[in-house]
Protein backbone atom coordinates (compact mmCIF):
# COMPACT_ATOMS: atom_id res chain seq x y z
CA MET A 1 -0.35 -0.26 -0.32
CA GLN A 2 1.17 3.20 -0.93
CA ILE A 3 0.43 6.47 1.23
CA ASP A 4 -2.34 7.94 -1.57
CA GLU A 5 -4.09 4.40 -0.87
CA PHE A 6 -3.57 4.70 2.71
CA ARG A 7 -5.19 8.03 2.92
CA GLU A 8 -8.09 7.67 0.29
CA TYR A 9 -8.84 4.14 2.11
CA CYS A 10 -9.03 5.79 5.58
CA ILE A 11 -10.65 8.86 4.65
CA SER A 12 -13.58 7.19 2.92
CA LYS A 13 -14.94 6.01 6.16
CA LYS A 14 -17.79 7.48 7.69
CA GLY A 15 -16.98 10.11 10.07
CA VAL A 16 -13.21 9.97 9.34
CA THR A 17 -11.08 13.32 9.64
CA GLU A 18 -7.07 13.82 8.93
CA SER A 19 -4.81 16.13 10.44
CA PHE A 20 -1.00 16.57 11.26
CA PRO A 21 -1.09 17.16 14.97
CA PHE A 22 2.42 16.33 15.81
CA ASP A 23 4.22 17.59 12.93
CA GLN A 24 4.06 17.70 8.95
CA SER A 25 5.05 14.34 8.42
CA THR A 26 2.67 12.42 10.76
CA LEU A 27 -0.56 12.00 8.80
CA VAL A 28 -3.21 10.90 11.88
CA PHE A 29 -6.59 9.93 10.99
CA LYS A 30 -9.82 10.18 13.54
CA VAL A 31 -13.23 8.86 13.68
CA MET A 32 -15.03 11.36 15.35
CA ASN A 33 -12.03 12.89 16.97
CA LYS A 34 -10.74 9.38 18.19
CA MET A 35 -7.28 8.32 16.32
CA PHE A 36 -7.30 5.00 14.49
CA ALA A 37 -4.58 5.06 12.52
CA LEU A 38 -1.50 7.19 11.32
CA GLY A 39 1.73 6.82 9.33
CA ASN A 40 4.70 8.91 7.74
CA VAL A 41 3.97 10.86 4.73
CA ASP A 42 7.44 11.24 4.02
CA LEU A 43 8.62 7.90 4.24
CA PHE A 44 5.71 5.64 4.26
CA GLU A 45 6.97 1.91 5.31
CA GLY A 46 4.38 1.08 8.11
CA MET A 47 1.05 2.80 9.32
CA ASN A 48 0.18 2.65 13.40
CA LEU A 49 -3.17 0.63 13.72
CA LYS A 50 -5.28 0.11 16.96
CA CYS A 51 -5.53 -3.80 17.49
CA ASP A 52 -7.40 -6.14 19.97
CA PRO A 53 -4.42 -6.65 22.48
CA GLU A 54 -4.97 -10.52 21.90
CA ARG A 55 -5.29 -10.35 17.99
CA ALA A 56 -2.11 -7.90 18.44
CA ILE A 57 0.29 -10.67 20.11
CA GLU A 58 -1.42 -13.23 17.59
CA LEU A 59 -0.31 -11.05 14.48
CA ARG A 60 2.95 -10.32 16.00
CA GLU A 61 3.83 -14.11 16.44
CA GLN A 62 2.52 -14.66 12.74
CA TYR A 63 4.46 -11.67 11.23
CA PRO A 64 7.37 -11.09 13.36
CA ASP A 65 9.06 -9.03 10.82
CA LEU A 66 6.30 -7.17 9.64
CA ILE A 67 3.66 -6.36 12.28
CA LYS A 68 5.25 -4.54 15.50
CA PRO A 69 4.38 -3.36 18.78
CA GLY A 70 3.13 0.32 17.99
CA TYR A 71 6.10 2.55 17.45
CA HIS A 72 5.85 5.66 19.80
CA MET A 73 2.55 4.02 20.80
CA SER A 74 1.01 1.54 23.72
CA LYS A 75 2.71 -1.46 23.06
CA THR A 76 -0.42 -3.14 24.10
CA HIS A 77 -3.00 -1.80 21.94
CA TRP A 78 -1.08 -0.42 18.82
CA ASN A 79 0.54 -2.13 16.17
CA THR A 80 3.08 -0.73 13.49
CA VAL A 81 2.28 -2.69 10.17
CA SER A 82 4.56 -2.85 7.53
CA THR A 83 3.43 -1.82 3.99
CA TYR A 84 5.81 -3.97 2.02
CA GLY A 85 5.58 -7.60 2.29
CA LEU A 86 2.05 -7.63 3.36
CA ASP A 87 -0.92 -8.81 1.85
CA LEU A 88 -3.39 -5.37 0.63
CA LYS A 89 -6.41 -7.27 1.51
CA LEU A 90 -4.59 -7.58 5.33
CA GLN A 91 -3.70 -4.20 5.38
CA LYS A 92 -7.19 -3.24 4.62
CA GLU A 93 -8.77 -5.49 7.05
CA LEU A 94 -6.10 -4.74 9.74
CA ILE A 95 -7.22 -0.94 8.96
CA ASP A 96 -11.09 -1.97 9.03
CA HIS A 97 -10.47 -3.77 12.64
CA SER A 98 -8.69 -0.59 14.35
CA TYR A 99 -11.41 2.17 12.80
CA ASP A 100 -14.10 -0.66 14.38
CA LEU A 101 -12.57 -0.68 17.97
CA VAL A 102 -12.46 3.10 18.11
CA VAL A 103 -15.95 3.13 16.80
CA SER A 104 -16.91 0.52 19.30
CA SER A 105 -15.35 2.30 22.12
CA LEU A 106 -17.00 5.62 21.63
CA PRO A 107 -20.05 6.81 23.50
CA LYS A 108 -23.37 5.61 22.66
CA LYS A 109 -24.37 9.39 22.12
CA VAL A 110 -21.28 9.61 19.61
CA GLN A 111 -22.19 6.43 18.06
CA ALA A 112 -25.86 7.46 17.46
CA GLU A 113 -24.08 11.05 15.93
CA LEU A 114 -21.98 8.87 13.46
CA ALA A 115 -24.94 6.81 12.42
CA LEU A 116 -26.44 9.70 11.29
CA LEU A 117 -23.60 10.94 8.95
C-alpha cells in the first residue's frame, strides 16, 4: 500500500478526519475525534493501527518481521504494520479492525451521531 492508497482508504470511512497534530510528516486519521490510524507521509513504510490486545500478539507472532508493537504508541493496543510484504487485503482488514475498535469504544451518543452521517 502506498501513502495515497492509505489516505484514500482511511478518509473514505464514515466520520473520519485527517490532520497533522504532531508534526508536518505524521498524518493522523480520527473517527469522531478519536485516533485510529497514522503514518509518516515522507517515508511511508508502515502504519500504526489500533488492535485488540490478544489479536495484536497473535499477529506479531504470525508476522514477526511485518507487524510489531506500535512505534511511539501503547504496545498493548497498537501495532506498527509494514506496508511492504504484507497482503493488501490484510492491510485493509487491519485498518477496518482499528476503525471498528475505536467506533465501538465511543460513547453511545457519539455512535448515534456517527450513524446519522
